[in-house]
């Protein structure tokens, strides 16, 4: 199964909040996801990122690919 780790936007207009999720690449962009592994809140100063490191690394080992948005958060460097 081709999986991706991506950001899914939640929150109200002008108050963005994101979930970091693992999704099947073949599903709709905002469809059902396999697992939620963290959150990203860009509205705080500095931006707040919470990630379950064990889940992140296990999905990367299984072949999941980070999307461009999650790569910019440097999740793979943690």
Protein backbone atom coordinates (compact mmCIF):
# COMPACT_ATOMS: atom_id res chain seq x y z
CA UNK A 1 0.00 0.00 0.00
CA UNK A 2 1.55 3.35 -0.99
CA UNK A 3 1.31 5.52 2.13
CA UNK A 4 2.15 9.19 2.58
CA UNK A 5 2.65 11.30 5.69
CA UNK A 6 0.91 14.59 5.10
CA UNK A 7 -0.75 17.63 6.68
CA UNK A 8 -4.54 17.81 6.83
CA UNK A 9 -5.93 21.26 7.58
CA UNK A 10 -8.48 21.74 10.33
CA UNK A 11 -9.61 24.85 12.17
CA UNK A 12 -11.60 27.92 11.26
CA UNK A 13 -10.95 30.45 8.53
CA UNK A 14 -7.76 32.44 9.26
CA UNK A 15 -6.98 30.11 12.22
CA UNK A 16 -5.25 27.16 10.62
CA UNK A 17 -4.41 24.03 12.57
CA UNK A 18 -3.06 20.86 10.99
CA UNK A 19 -3.06 17.15 11.76
CA UNK A 20 -0.05 15.09 10.72
CA UNK A 21 -1.56 11.88 9.36
CA UNK A 22 -0.68 8.75 7.44
CA UNK A 23 -2.90 8.34 4.37
CA UNK A 24 -3.24 5.93 1.50
CA UNK A 25 -1.91 7.79 -1.53
CA UNK A 26 -4.87 6.61 -3.64
CA UNK A 27 -7.55 8.18 -1.36
CA UNK A 28 -9.05 11.67 -1.56
CA UNK A 29 -6.83 14.46 -0.19
CA UNK A 30 -9.10 15.11 2.81
CA UNK A 31 -10.55 11.60 3.02
CA UNK A 32 -10.20 9.04 5.77
CA UNK A 33 -6.70 8.56 7.09
CA UNK A 34 -5.00 5.47 8.47
CA UNK A 35 -3.48 6.99 11.60
CA UNK A 36 -2.98 10.39 13.22
CA UNK A 37 0.62 10.75 14.37
CA UNK A 38 0.78 14.41 15.41
CA UNK A 39 -0.35 18.01 15.15
CA UNK A 40 1.05 21.29 13.86
CA UNK A 41 -0.15 24.71 15.05
CA UNK A 42 1.38 27.57 13.03
CA UNK A 43 -0.62 30.23 14.90
CA UNK A 44 1.56 30.11 18.03
CA UNK A 45 4.93 31.82 18.31
CA UNK A 46 7.06 29.71 17.79
CA UNK A 47 4.91 27.22 15.83
CA UNK A 48 4.02 24.17 17.89
CA UNK A 49 4.73 20.70 16.46
CA UNK A 50 3.86 17.51 18.34
CA UNK A 51 4.72 14.17 16.77
CA UNK A 52 4.74 10.60 18.06
CA UNK A 53 8.33 9.77 17.07
CA UNK A 54 7.89 5.99 17.35
CA UNK A 55 4.90 5.97 14.99
CA UNK A 56 6.64 8.33 12.56
CA UNK A 57 9.76 6.19 12.30
CA UNK A 58 7.79 2.95 12.07
CA UNK A 59 5.76 4.32 9.12
CA UNK A 60 8.91 5.57 7.39
CA UNK A 61 10.44 2.10 7.80
CA UNK A 62 7.29 0.60 6.27
CA UNK A 63 7.82 2.76 3.18
CA UNK A 64 5.67 5.83 3.86
CA UNK A 65 6.85 8.97 2.06
CA UNK A 66 6.80 12.49 3.51
CA UNK A 67 4.98 15.07 1.40
CA UNK A 68 6.55 18.43 0.63
CA UNK A 69 4.66 20.15 3.46
CA UNK A 70 5.80 17.68 6.10
CA UNK A 71 9.37 17.73 4.76
CA UNK A 72 9.44 21.50 5.36
CA UNK A 73 8.67 20.85 9.05
CA UNK A 74 11.84 18.71 9.24
CA UNK A 75 10.04 15.78 10.84
CA UNK A 76 12.59 13.31 9.53
CA UNK A 77 15.43 15.14 11.29
CA UNK A 78 13.97 14.74 14.79
